[in-house]
């Protein structure tokens, strides 16, 4: 059973015709974006919101999120990118830090919604399940790139990492925790919880669904990050775990704020 369930990447390149190379990472990221935008537009129409305008804001938010994710990655790996600046734009090789995207993407989306006089909090609620689903799909790009994995393991669902991708000091190990898989499954569960269970229960509190997404994602990421070998470090502290703690605090504060806002007579 161990052999049957062991995961092994077939390689990062999906299609190559001469100098033209299409990588799995790019395919999965594009698929995640398209599905997420379609789902958000569909949900906005069902909720009677200005779906086309929300879609336009979401497209800019996605672009901003990709830029934020890349800048976050580059900033914390400047020792490498400073030596190879041409690699900064090589996003098809991987290297999108989701925390950077979660900072810049929603800020740009919310700002545009405000500028265009859209219902900001309801638009964020529309986007939240799409973001979780997109993350669940996009994480599989890490599988093909042989990145974002955890420590050595002999569990049945272990992940084979080729020698060229093993971290320094781990060359003698073949199998590692597939933390990309753990996070993908967690994000699928977050998507299901948001879209099926929480949405009808939070309908009277615009913005609450979005903050629940932030909290649930952050809690899962905090736990999974403890297994990873490639965490950004700040001394002895894992930066993604610090960001996750901040995410939980933002979620709690945001949920409390929208709850008070919904119960205020002025809000009704």
Protein backbone atom coordinates (compact mmCIF):
# COMPACT_ATOMS: atom_id res chain seq x y z
CA UNK A 1 0.00 0.00 0.00
CA UNK A 2 2.84 2.38 0.80
CA UNK A 3 4.23 2.04 -2.72
CA UNK A 4 0.80 2.41 -4.34
CA UNK A 5 -0.03 5.62 -2.48
CA UNK A 6 3.37 7.31 -2.69
CA UNK A 7 3.19 10.51 -4.74
CA UNK A 8 5.79 11.39 -7.34
CA UNK A 9 5.86 14.41 -9.64
CA UNK A 10 5.98 13.61 -13.38
CA UNK A 11 7.91 16.86 -13.90
CA UNK A 12 7.10 20.55 -14.06
CA UNK A 13 6.68 20.79 -17.85
CA UNK A 14 3.30 19.88 -19.31
CA UNK A 15 3.94 20.70 -22.97
CA UNK A 16 7.08 21.65 -24.86
CA UNK A 17 7.24 22.42 -28.55
CA UNK A 18 10.67 23.71 -29.47
CA UNK A 19 11.38 26.81 -27.38
CA UNK A 20 7.74 27.03 -26.23
CA UNK A 21 7.32 25.61 -22.73
CA UNK A 22 4.02 25.36 -20.86
CA UNK A 23 4.38 24.37 -17.22
CA UNK A 24 1.89 22.68 -14.94
CA UNK A 25 2.27 25.49 -12.40
CA UNK A 26 1.00 28.04 -14.92
CA UNK A 27 -1.84 25.78 -16.07
CA UNK A 28 -3.04 25.21 -12.52
CA UNK A 29 -2.79 28.87 -11.56
CA UNK A 30 -4.75 29.89 -14.66
CA UNK A 31 -7.36 27.19 -13.95
CA UNK A 32 -7.70 28.34 -10.35
CA UNK A 33 -8.20 31.97 -11.42
CA UNK A 34 -10.75 31.18 -14.13
CA UNK A 35 -12.81 28.89 -11.91
CA UNK A 36 -12.65 31.32 -8.99
CA UNK A 37 -13.76 34.29 -11.10
CA UNK A 38 -16.57 32.28 -12.69
CA UNK A 39 -17.81 31.12 -9.31
CA UNK A 40 -17.73 34.64 -7.85
CA UNK A 41 -19.61 36.07 -10.84
CA UNK A 42 -22.21 33.30 -10.61
CA UNK A 43 -22.66 33.90 -6.87
CA UNK A 44 -22.95 37.65 -7.30
CA UNK A 45 -25.72 37.19 -9.89
CA UNK A 46 -27.60 34.81 -7.60
CA UNK A 47 -27.36 37.32 -4.76
CA UNK A 48 -28.71 40.12 -6.93
CA UNK A 49 -25.45 42.08 -6.85
CA UNK A 50 -23.86 44.01 -9.76
CA UNK A 51 -22.01 40.91 -10.92
CA UNK A 52 -20.15 42.42 -13.88
CA UNK A 53 -18.75 45.27 -11.80
CA UNK A 54 -17.77 42.89 -9.00
CA UNK A 55 -16.06 40.66 -11.58
CA UNK A 56 -14.09 43.65 -12.87
CA UNK A 57 -12.95 44.52 -9.35
CA UNK A 58 -12.11 40.86 -8.71
CA UNK A 59 -9.94 40.67 -11.83
CA UNK A 60 -7.87 43.63 -10.64
CA UNK A 61 -7.74 42.09 -7.16
CA UNK A 62 -6.39 38.84 -8.63
CA UNK A 63 -3.72 40.73 -10.54
CA UNK A 64 -2.78 42.68 -7.42
CA UNK A 65 -2.75 39.45 -5.41
CA UNK A 66 -0.32 37.84 -7.84
CA UNK A 67 1.95 40.88 -7.67
CA UNK A 68 1.75 40.92 -3.86
CA UNK A 69 2.46 37.19 -3.65
CA UNK A 70 5.52 37.55 -5.87
CA UNK A 71 6.87 40.62 -4.06
CA UNK A 72 6.47 38.81 -0.72
CA UNK A 73 8.37 35.81 -2.08
CA UNK A 74 11.15 37.96 -3.55
CA UNK A 75 11.50 40.07 -0.39
CA UNK A 76 12.04 37.03 1.83
CA UNK A 77 14.36 35.32 -0.65
CA UNK A 78 16.39 38.35 -1.67
CA UNK A 79 19.67 36.50 -1.17
CA UNK A 80 18.71 34.43 -4.22
CA UNK A 81 16.82 36.98 -6.32
CA UNK A 82 19.42 39.65 -5.69
CA UNK A 83 21.97 37.39 -7.40
CA UNK A 84 19.59 36.37 -10.19
CA UNK A 85 17.30 39.36 -10.83
CA UNK A 86 16.02 37.88 -14.10
CA UNK A 87 14.32 35.20 -12.00
CA UNK A 88 12.07 37.77 -10.31
CA UNK A 89 9.59 37.63 -13.18
CA UNK A 90 9.84 33.84 -13.65
CA UNK A 91 6.60 33.10 -11.80
CA UNK A 92 6.02 30.01 -13.98
CA UNK A 93 8.80 28.33 -12.01
CA UNK A 94 6.85 28.80 -8.76
CA UNK A 95 7.33 31.21 -5.91
CA UNK A 96 4.01 32.86 -5.11
CA UNK A 97 3.66 33.45 -1.36
CA UNK A 98 -0.04 33.42 -0.58
CA UNK A 99 0.26 35.73 2.42
CA UNK A 100 1.53 38.48 0.13
CA UNK A 101 -1.46 37.92 -2.12
CA UNK A 102 -3.88 38.00 0.80
CA UNK A 103 -2.51 41.38 1.85
CA UNK A 104 -2.58 43.21 -1.48
CA UNK A 105 -5.39 41.44 -3.36
CA UNK A 106 -8.30 42.11 -0.98
CA UNK A 107 -7.09 45.65 -0.31
CA UNK A 108 -7.13 46.51 -4.01
CA UNK A 109 -10.44 44.73 -4.56
CA UNK A 110 -12.09 46.48 -1.61
CA UNK A 111 -10.70 49.86 -2.66
CA UNK A 112 -12.05 49.46 -6.20
CA UNK A 113 -15.42 48.32 -4.89
CA UNK A 114 -15.56 51.43 -2.71
CA UNK A 115 -14.51 53.69 -5.58
CA UNK A 116 -17.14 52.16 -7.85
CA UNK A 117 -19.81 52.41 -5.13
CA UNK A 118 -20.26 48.65 -4.87
CA UNK A 119 -21.30 46.90 -1.63
CA UNK A 120 -17.77 46.26 -0.36
CA UNK A 121 -18.51 43.78 2.41
CA UNK A 122 -20.92 41.73 0.33
CA UNK A 123 -18.41 41.68 -2.52
CA UNK A 124 -15.76 40.32 -0.13
CA UNK A 125 -18.22 37.62 0.94
CA UNK A 126 -18.77 36.68 -2.70
CA UNK A 127 -15.02 36.41 -3.23
CA UNK A 128 -14.12 34.40 -0.12
CA UNK A 129 -15.19 30.89 -1.25
CA UNK A 130 -13.64 31.50 -4.67
CA UNK A 131 -10.31 32.37 -3.08
CA UNK A 132 -10.35 29.20 -0.97
CA UNK A 133 -11.21 27.04 -3.97
CA UNK A 134 -8.55 28.74 -6.09
CA UNK A 135 -5.93 28.07 -3.42
CA UNK A 136 -6.97 24.42 -3.24
CA UNK A 137 -6.46 24.03 -6.99
CA UNK A 138 -3.35 26.16 -7.27
CA UNK A 139 -1.49 24.29 -4.53
CA UNK A 140 -1.08 21.35 -6.90
CA UNK A 141 1.41 23.44 -8.85
CA UNK A 142 3.78 22.85 -5.91
CA UNK A 143 3.45 19.10 -6.50
CA UNK A 144 4.67 19.33 -10.08
CA UNK A 145 7.49 21.72 -9.10
CA UNK A 146 8.54 19.51 -6.16
CA UNK A 147 8.31 22.35 -3.65
CA UNK A 148 6.41 23.27 -0.48
CA UNK A 149 6.92 19.86 1.15
CA UNK A 150 7.53 18.88 4.75
CA UNK A 151 10.02 16.79 6.65
CA UNK A 152 10.92 13.16 5.94
CA UNK A 153 8.18 10.59 6.48
CA UNK A 154 7.28 6.99 5.73
CA UNK A 155 3.52 7.51 5.87
CA UNK A 156 1.53 5.75 3.11
CA UNK A 157 0.78 9.10 1.43
CA UNK A 158 4.43 10.12 1.38
CA UNK A 159 5.84 12.29 -1.40
CA UNK A 160 8.92 11.29 -3.39
CA UNK A 161 11.33 14.19 -3.93
CA UNK A 162 14.08 13.80 -6.53
CA UNK A 163 17.67 14.37 -5.32
CA UNK A 164 17.98 17.73 -7.11
CA UNK A 165 15.06 19.16 -5.10
CA UNK A 166 15.98 17.85 -1.66
CA UNK A 167 17.07 20.53 0.84
CA UNK A 168 20.63 20.69 2.08
CA UNK A 169 21.12 18.07 4.76
CA UNK A 170 18.23 15.87 3.58
CA UNK A 171 19.88 14.20 0.61
CA UNK A 172 19.67 10.76 2.23
CA UNK A 173 15.87 10.89 2.46
CA UNK A 174 13.57 10.02 -0.45
CA UNK A 175 10.08 10.62 0.96
CA UNK A 176 8.64 13.72 2.59
CA UNK A 177 5.34 15.06 3.95
CA UNK A 178 3.18 16.32 1.04
CA UNK A 179 2.27 19.55 2.79
CA UNK A 180 0.97 20.97 -0.50
CA UNK A 181 -1.64 18.18 -0.35
CA UNK A 182 -2.52 18.90 3.27
CA UNK A 183 -3.11 22.55 2.46
CA UNK A 184 -5.07 21.75 -0.69
CA UNK A 185 -7.40 19.45 1.24
CA UNK A 186 -7.74 22.02 4.01
CA UNK A 187 -8.65 24.72 1.49
CA UNK A 188 -11.22 22.45 -0.16
CA UNK A 189 -12.74 21.91 3.29
CA UNK A 190 -12.73 25.67 3.95
CA UNK A 191 -14.43 26.25 0.60
CA UNK A 192 -17.13 23.69 1.41
CA UNK A 193 -17.68 25.15 4.88
CA UNK A 194 -17.98 28.68 3.52
CA UNK A 195 -20.15 27.88 0.51
CA UNK A 196 -22.49 25.32 2.07
CA UNK A 197 -22.65 25.73 5.83
CA UNK A 198 -21.60 29.24 6.79
CA UNK A 199 -23.05 31.32 3.93
CA UNK A 200 -26.74 30.95 4.90
CA UNK A 201 -25.93 31.39 8.59
CA UNK A 202 -23.97 34.60 8.03
CA UNK A 203 -26.17 36.18 5.36
CA UNK A 204 -27.41 38.87 7.75
CA UNK A 205 -23.84 39.96 8.58
CA UNK A 206 -22.11 41.24 5.42
CA UNK A 207 -18.36 40.73 5.64
CA UNK A 208 -18.55 37.91 8.17
CA UNK A 209 -18.02 35.18 5.57
CA UNK A 210 -14.83 36.84 4.37
CA UNK A 211 -13.43 37.11 7.89
CA UNK A 212 -14.32 33.49 8.55
CA UNK A 213 -12.31 32.59 5.46
CA UNK A 214 -9.32 34.57 6.74
CA UNK A 215 -9.53 32.87 10.15
CA UNK A 216 -10.03 29.33 8.86
CA UNK A 217 -7.29 29.57 6.28
CA UNK A 218 -4.88 31.09 8.80
CA UNK A 219 -5.56 28.40 11.41
CA UNK A 220 -4.92 25.61 8.94
CA UNK A 221 -1.84 27.27 7.50
CA UNK A 222 -0.37 27.76 10.99
CA UNK A 223 -0.63 24.02 11.70
CA UNK A 224 0.61 22.85 8.30
CA UNK A 225 3.50 25.31 8.24
CA UNK A 226 5.04 23.58 11.26
CA UNK A 227 5.82 20.60 9.00
CA UNK A 228 7.44 22.49 6.12
CA UNK A 229 11.16 22.66 5.48
CA UNK A 230 11.14 25.86 3.39
CA UNK A 231 9.51 28.38 5.72
CA UNK A 232 10.67 31.98 5.66
CA UNK A 233 12.41 32.49 8.98
CA UNK A 234 12.77 35.53 11.22
CA UNK A 235 15.37 34.34 13.66
CA UNK A 236 13.87 31.19 15.14
CA UNK A 237 10.31 32.14 14.16
CA UNK A 238 8.47 31.03 11.05
CA UNK A 239 7.20 34.10 9.20
CA UNK A 240 4.13 32.30 7.73
CA UNK A 241 3.09 31.25 11.22
CA UNK A 242 3.42 34.82 12.45
CA UNK A 243 1.34 35.96 9.48
CA UNK A 244 -1.22 33.27 10.29
CA UNK A 245 -1.50 34.45 13.89
CA UNK A 246 -2.05 37.98 12.58
CA UNK A 247 -4.66 36.59 10.18
CA UNK A 248 -6.59 34.96 13.03
CA UNK A 249 -6.50 38.21 15.01
CA UNK A 250 -7.74 40.17 11.98
CA UNK A 251 -10.49 37.60 11.46
CA UNK A 252 -11.67 37.77 15.08
CA UNK A 253 -11.61 41.56 15.12
CA UNK A 254 -13.29 41.77 11.72
CA UNK A 255 -16.02 39.30 12.63
CA UNK A 256 -16.74 41.23 15.83
CA UNK A 257 -16.87 44.51 13.89
CA UNK A 258 -19.30 43.26 11.23
CA UNK A 259 -21.40 41.64 13.94
CA UNK A 260 -21.75 44.93 15.79
CA UNK A 261 -22.36 46.73 12.51
CA UNK A 262 -25.16 44.33 11.53
CA UNK A 263 -26.88 44.69 14.91
CA UNK A 264 -26.63 48.49 14.89
CA UNK A 265 -29.93 50.28 14.09
CA UNK A 266 -28.05 52.56 11.68
CA UNK A 267 -26.92 49.54 9.66
CA UNK A 268 -30.45 48.31 9.14
